[in-house]
Amino acid sequence: MDSKTIIYIAIGAFLVLMNIISFSMMALDKKRAQKDKTHSHPETRIPEKRLFLFTGLFGGLGGVLGMYLLRHKTKHWYFALFFPLMMIAQIAILVLLYIYVLR
């Protein structure tokens, strides 16, 4: 295996991991939000800063999918605006990385 292949695999694995984490955090927070409505002792929710952090660290697709597939945080304008913008920026960064560095 040459070094470019190893780099592609490492980047791909990192992207998959970050998107799984981002989606999973959205799913867990949604589940906890639903439990908060039905129980007198609310569970600890995931802070919005943490959701933004993992979505911003190349988990954009997972965050956006989590937001729209799970219908979670869609009424918050800052999620509806910045999650898709972060995903678009991440795609642009990856395309530029491929064009100017990895090709």
N, C-alpha and C. Protein backbone atom coordinates (compact mmCIF):
# COMPACT_ATOMS: atom_id res chain seq x y z
N MET A 1 0.85 -1.18 0.00
CA MET A 1 0.00 0.00 0.00
C MET A 1 0.89 1.24 0.00
N ASP A 2 0.63 2.14 -0.92
CA ASP A 2 1.45 3.35 -0.96
C ASP A 2 0.95 4.38 0.06
N SER A 3 1.74 5.44 0.23
CA SER A 3 1.44 6.42 1.28
C SER A 3 0.14 7.19 1.00
N LYS A 4 -0.18 7.45 -0.28
CA LYS A 4 -1.43 8.15 -0.59
C LYS A 4 -2.64 7.33 -0.19
N THR A 5 -2.58 6.05 -0.43
CA THR A 5 -3.69 5.17 -0.05
C THR A 5 -3.89 5.18 1.45
N ILE A 6 -2.81 5.14 2.19
CA ILE A 6 -2.88 5.17 3.66
C ILE A 6 -3.50 6.49 4.12
N ILE A 7 -3.11 7.59 3.49
CA ILE A 7 -3.67 8.90 3.85
C ILE A 7 -5.16 8.94 3.56
N TYR A 8 -5.57 8.43 2.39
CA TYR A 8 -7.00 8.39 2.04
C TYR A 8 -7.79 7.56 3.04
N ILE A 9 -7.25 6.42 3.41
CA ILE A 9 -7.93 5.56 4.38
C ILE A 9 -8.04 6.25 5.74
N ALA A 10 -6.96 6.90 6.17
CA ALA A 10 -6.97 7.60 7.47
C ALA A 10 -7.98 8.74 7.47
N ILE A 11 -7.99 9.53 6.39
CA ILE A 11 -8.95 10.64 6.31
C ILE A 11 -10.37 10.10 6.27
N GLY A 12 -10.59 9.06 5.47
CA GLY A 12 -11.93 8.46 5.38
C GLY A 12 -12.39 7.91 6.71
N ALA A 13 -11.51 7.22 7.43
CA ALA A 13 -11.87 6.66 8.73
C ALA A 13 -12.20 7.77 9.73
N PHE A 14 -11.41 8.84 9.70
CA PHE A 14 -11.66 9.98 10.58
C PHE A 14 -13.02 10.61 10.28
N LEU A 15 -13.32 10.80 9.00
CA LEU A 15 -14.59 11.40 8.61
C LEU A 15 -15.77 10.52 9.02
N VAL A 16 -15.66 9.23 8.80
CA VAL A 16 -16.74 8.31 9.19
C VAL A 16 -16.93 8.36 10.70
N LEU A 17 -15.85 8.30 11.44
CA LEU A 17 -15.93 8.33 12.91
C LEU A 17 -16.58 9.62 13.41
N MET A 18 -16.15 10.77 12.90
CA MET A 18 -16.69 12.04 13.37
C MET A 18 -18.17 12.18 13.02
N ASN A 19 -18.57 11.68 11.86
CA ASN A 19 -19.98 11.78 11.48
C ASN A 19 -20.85 10.81 12.28
N ILE A 20 -20.33 9.64 12.60
CA ILE A 20 -21.07 8.71 13.46
C ILE A 20 -21.23 9.31 14.85
N ILE A 21 -20.16 9.90 15.38
CA ILE A 21 -20.24 10.53 16.70
C ILE A 21 -21.25 11.67 16.69
N SER A 22 -21.18 12.52 15.67
CA SER A 22 -22.08 13.67 15.58
C SER A 22 -23.54 13.23 15.49
N PHE A 23 -23.82 12.26 14.63
CA PHE A 23 -25.18 11.75 14.50
C PHE A 23 -25.65 11.10 15.81
N SER A 24 -24.77 10.31 16.42
CA SER A 24 -25.12 9.62 17.67
C SER A 24 -25.40 10.60 18.80
N MET A 25 -24.64 11.68 18.85
CA MET A 25 -24.88 12.69 19.88
C MET A 25 -26.24 13.36 19.68
N MET A 26 -26.59 13.62 18.42
CA MET A 26 -27.91 14.20 18.14
C MET A 26 -29.01 13.22 18.54
N ALA A 27 -28.82 11.94 18.24
CA ALA A 27 -29.83 10.93 18.59
C ALA A 27 -29.97 10.80 20.11
N LEU A 28 -28.85 10.78 20.81
CA LEU A 28 -28.90 10.66 22.27
C LEU A 28 -29.56 11.88 22.90
N ASP A 29 -29.22 13.07 22.40
CA ASP A 29 -29.82 14.28 22.95
C ASP A 29 -31.32 14.31 22.67
N LYS A 30 -31.72 13.86 21.49
CA LYS A 30 -33.16 13.79 21.16
C LYS A 30 -33.87 12.84 22.12
N LYS A 31 -33.26 11.69 22.37
CA LYS A 31 -33.87 10.71 23.28
C LYS A 31 -33.99 11.30 24.69
N ARG A 32 -32.96 11.98 25.13
CA ARG A 32 -32.99 12.59 26.45
C ARG A 32 -34.01 13.73 26.51
N ALA A 33 -34.14 14.47 25.43
CA ALA A 33 -35.13 15.55 25.39
C ALA A 33 -36.54 15.00 25.50
N GLN A 34 -36.80 13.87 24.85
CA GLN A 34 -38.12 13.26 24.93
C GLN A 34 -38.39 12.73 26.33
N LYS A 35 -37.37 12.16 26.97
CA LYS A 35 -37.54 11.66 28.34
C LYS A 35 -37.78 12.79 29.33
N ASP A 36 -37.15 13.95 29.08
CA ASP A 36 -37.33 15.10 29.97
C ASP A 36 -38.80 15.51 30.05
N LYS A 37 -39.53 15.33 28.95
CA LYS A 37 -40.94 15.73 28.93
C LYS A 37 -41.82 14.78 29.71
N THR A 38 -41.40 13.52 29.86
CA THR A 38 -42.26 12.52 30.49
C THR A 38 -41.85 12.15 31.90
N HIS A 39 -40.66 12.53 32.32
CA HIS A 39 -40.17 12.15 33.65
C HIS A 39 -39.95 13.39 34.51
N SER A 40 -40.12 13.21 35.80
CA SER A 40 -39.92 14.33 36.71
C SER A 40 -38.44 14.60 36.98
N HIS A 41 -37.58 13.59 36.72
CA HIS A 41 -36.14 13.77 36.91
C HIS A 41 -35.46 13.78 35.55
N PRO A 42 -35.19 14.97 35.02
CA PRO A 42 -34.61 15.04 33.67
C PRO A 42 -33.19 14.47 33.62
N GLU A 43 -32.89 13.79 32.53
CA GLU A 43 -31.54 13.28 32.32
C GLU A 43 -30.66 14.43 31.84
N THR A 44 -29.38 14.23 31.95
CA THR A 44 -28.45 15.25 31.51
C THR A 44 -28.45 15.32 30.00
N ARG A 45 -28.74 16.49 29.48
CA ARG A 45 -28.73 16.71 28.04
C ARG A 45 -27.31 17.00 27.57
N ILE A 46 -27.08 16.81 26.29
CA ILE A 46 -25.78 17.13 25.71
C ILE A 46 -25.77 18.63 25.42
N PRO A 47 -24.77 19.33 25.93
CA PRO A 47 -24.72 20.79 25.71
C PRO A 47 -24.66 21.13 24.21
N GLU A 48 -25.33 22.21 23.84
CA GLU A 48 -25.33 22.63 22.44
C GLU A 48 -23.92 22.91 21.95
N LYS A 49 -23.06 23.43 22.80
CA LYS A 49 -21.67 23.69 22.41
C LYS A 49 -20.98 22.41 21.96
N ARG A 50 -21.27 21.30 22.65
CA ARG A 50 -20.65 20.03 22.30
C ARG A 50 -21.20 19.51 20.96
N LEU A 51 -22.49 19.70 20.73
CA LEU A 51 -23.07 19.30 19.44
C LEU A 51 -22.40 20.09 18.32
N PHE A 52 -22.20 21.39 18.54
CA PHE A 52 -21.53 22.21 17.53
C PHE A 52 -20.08 21.81 17.36
N LEU A 53 -19.40 21.47 18.45
CA LEU A 53 -17.99 21.10 18.38
C LEU A 53 -17.79 19.88 17.47
N PHE A 54 -18.54 18.81 17.73
CA PHE A 54 -18.35 17.59 16.95
C PHE A 54 -18.85 17.74 15.52
N THR A 55 -19.87 18.55 15.32
CA THR A 55 -20.31 18.81 13.96
C THR A 55 -19.27 19.66 13.23
N GLY A 56 -18.66 20.59 13.93
CA GLY A 56 -17.63 21.43 13.33
C GLY A 56 -16.33 20.72 13.05
N LEU A 57 -16.06 19.64 13.79
CA LEU A 57 -14.83 18.87 13.58
C LEU A 57 -15.05 17.77 12.53
N PHE A 58 -15.56 18.17 11.40
CA PHE A 58 -15.81 17.31 10.24
C PHE A 58 -16.87 16.25 10.49
N GLY A 59 -17.82 16.57 11.36
CA GLY A 59 -18.99 15.72 11.54
C GLY A 59 -20.23 16.39 10.97
N GLY A 60 -20.04 17.22 9.96
CA GLY A 60 -21.13 18.02 9.39
C GLY A 60 -22.28 17.20 8.84
N LEU A 61 -21.96 16.17 8.08
CA LEU A 61 -23.01 15.34 7.50
C LEU A 61 -23.80 14.63 8.59
N GLY A 62 -23.12 14.10 9.59
CA GLY A 62 -23.80 13.43 10.69
C GLY A 62 -24.69 14.38 11.47
N GLY A 63 -24.22 15.61 11.68
CA GLY A 63 -25.02 16.60 12.40
C GLY A 63 -26.26 17.00 11.62
N VAL A 64 -26.08 17.23 10.32
CA VAL A 64 -27.22 17.64 9.49
C VAL A 64 -28.22 16.48 9.37
N LEU A 65 -27.73 15.27 9.14
CA LEU A 65 -28.63 14.12 9.06
C LEU A 65 -29.36 13.90 10.39
N GLY A 66 -28.63 14.04 11.49
CA GLY A 66 -29.25 13.91 12.80
C GLY A 66 -30.31 14.96 13.04
N MET A 67 -30.04 16.16 12.59
CA MET A 67 -30.99 17.24 12.79
C MET A 67 -32.28 17.00 12.00
N TYR A 68 -32.14 16.63 10.73
CA TYR A 68 -33.34 16.52 9.89
C TYR A 68 -34.01 15.14 9.94
N LEU A 69 -33.24 14.06 10.02
CA LEU A 69 -33.87 12.74 10.10
C LEU A 69 -34.55 12.52 11.44
N LEU A 70 -33.94 13.05 12.50
CA LEU A 70 -34.49 12.87 13.84
C LEU A 70 -35.40 14.03 14.25
N ARG A 71 -35.47 15.04 13.42
CA ARG A 71 -36.21 16.27 13.71
C ARG A 71 -35.81 16.83 15.08
N HIS A 72 -34.53 17.05 15.22
CA HIS A 72 -33.99 17.54 16.49
C HIS A 72 -33.23 18.84 16.26
N LYS A 73 -33.59 19.86 16.98
CA LYS A 73 -32.97 21.19 16.94
C LYS A 73 -33.30 21.95 15.66
N THR A 74 -34.27 21.52 14.90
CA THR A 74 -34.59 22.19 13.64
C THR A 74 -35.27 23.55 13.86
N LYS A 75 -35.86 23.76 15.01
CA LYS A 75 -36.52 25.03 15.29
C LYS A 75 -35.56 26.10 15.81
N HIS A 76 -34.34 25.69 16.12
CA HIS A 76 -33.33 26.64 16.56
C HIS A 76 -32.64 27.19 15.31
N TRP A 77 -32.79 28.48 15.07
CA TRP A 77 -32.27 29.07 13.83
C TRP A 77 -30.77 28.85 13.67
N TYR A 78 -30.02 28.89 14.78
CA TYR A 78 -28.57 28.77 14.68
C TYR A 78 -28.15 27.35 14.30
N PHE A 79 -28.93 26.33 14.66
CA PHE A 79 -28.65 24.98 14.18
C PHE A 79 -29.03 24.86 12.71
N ALA A 80 -30.21 25.35 12.36
CA ALA A 80 -30.70 25.24 10.98
C ALA A 80 -29.80 25.99 10.00
N LEU A 81 -29.14 27.04 10.45
CA LEU A 81 -28.26 27.80 9.59
C LEU A 81 -26.83 27.24 9.59
N PHE A 82 -26.27 27.06 10.78
CA PHE A 82 -24.84 26.77 10.86
C PHE A 82 -24.48 25.30 10.63
N PHE A 83 -25.34 24.36 10.95
CA PHE A 83 -25.01 22.96 10.67
C PHE A 83 -24.82 22.73 9.16
N PRO A 84 -25.78 23.15 8.32
CA PRO A 84 -25.55 22.98 6.87
C PRO A 84 -24.36 23.79 6.35
N LEU A 85 -24.15 25.00 6.89
CA LEU A 85 -22.99 25.79 6.47
C LEU A 85 -21.68 25.10 6.83
N MET A 86 -21.62 24.51 8.02
CA MET A 86 -20.41 23.79 8.41
C MET A 86 -20.18 22.60 7.49
N MET A 87 -21.26 21.89 7.14
CA MET A 87 -21.12 20.74 6.25
C MET A 87 -20.60 21.19 4.88
N ILE A 88 -21.15 22.27 4.35
CA ILE A 88 -20.71 22.79 3.05
C ILE A 88 -19.24 23.21 3.12
N ALA A 89 -18.86 23.89 4.19
CA ALA A 89 -17.46 24.32 4.36
C ALA A 89 -16.54 23.11 4.45
N GLN A 90 -16.97 22.06 5.13
CA GLN A 90 -16.15 20.86 5.26
C GLN A 90 -15.97 20.17 3.91
N ILE A 91 -17.02 20.12 3.12
CA ILE A 91 -16.92 19.53 1.79
C ILE A 91 -15.94 20.35 0.94
N ALA A 92 -16.06 21.68 1.02
CA ALA A 92 -15.16 22.55 0.26
C ALA A 92 -13.71 22.34 0.69
N ILE A 93 -13.47 22.24 1.98
CA ILE A 93 -12.11 22.01 2.49
C ILE A 93 -11.57 20.68 1.98
N LEU A 94 -12.39 19.66 2.00
CA LEU A 94 -11.94 18.34 1.53
C LEU A 94 -11.65 18.34 0.04
N VAL A 95 -12.49 19.04 -0.73
CA VAL A 95 -12.25 19.14 -2.18
C VAL A 95 -10.94 19.89 -2.43
N LEU A 96 -10.74 21.01 -1.75
CA LEU A 96 -9.50 21.77 -1.92
C LEU A 96 -8.28 20.97 -1.46
N LEU A 97 -8.41 20.23 -0.39
CA LEU A 97 -7.34 19.37 0.08
C LEU A 97 -6.97 18.34 -0.98
N TYR A 98 -7.96 17.76 -1.58
CA TYR A 98 -7.71 16.78 -2.63
C TYR A 98 -7.06 17.43 -3.85
N ILE A 99 -7.59 18.57 -4.29
CA ILE A 99 -7.07 19.23 -5.50
C ILE A 99 -5.64 19.71 -5.32
N TYR A 100 -5.36 20.36 -4.20
CA TYR A 100 -4.07 21.01 -4.04
C TYR A 100 -3.02 20.23 -3.26
N VAL A 101 -3.43 19.19 -2.56
CA VAL A 101 -2.44 18.48 -1.74
C VAL A 101 -2.36 16.99 -2.09
N LEU A 102 -3.48 16.34 -2.20
CA LEU A 102 -3.46 14.88 -2.30
C LEU A 102 -3.47 14.32 -3.72
N ARG A 103 -3.77 15.14 -4.69
CA ARG A 103 -3.85 14.61 -6.05
C ARG A 103 -2.52 14.28 -6.62
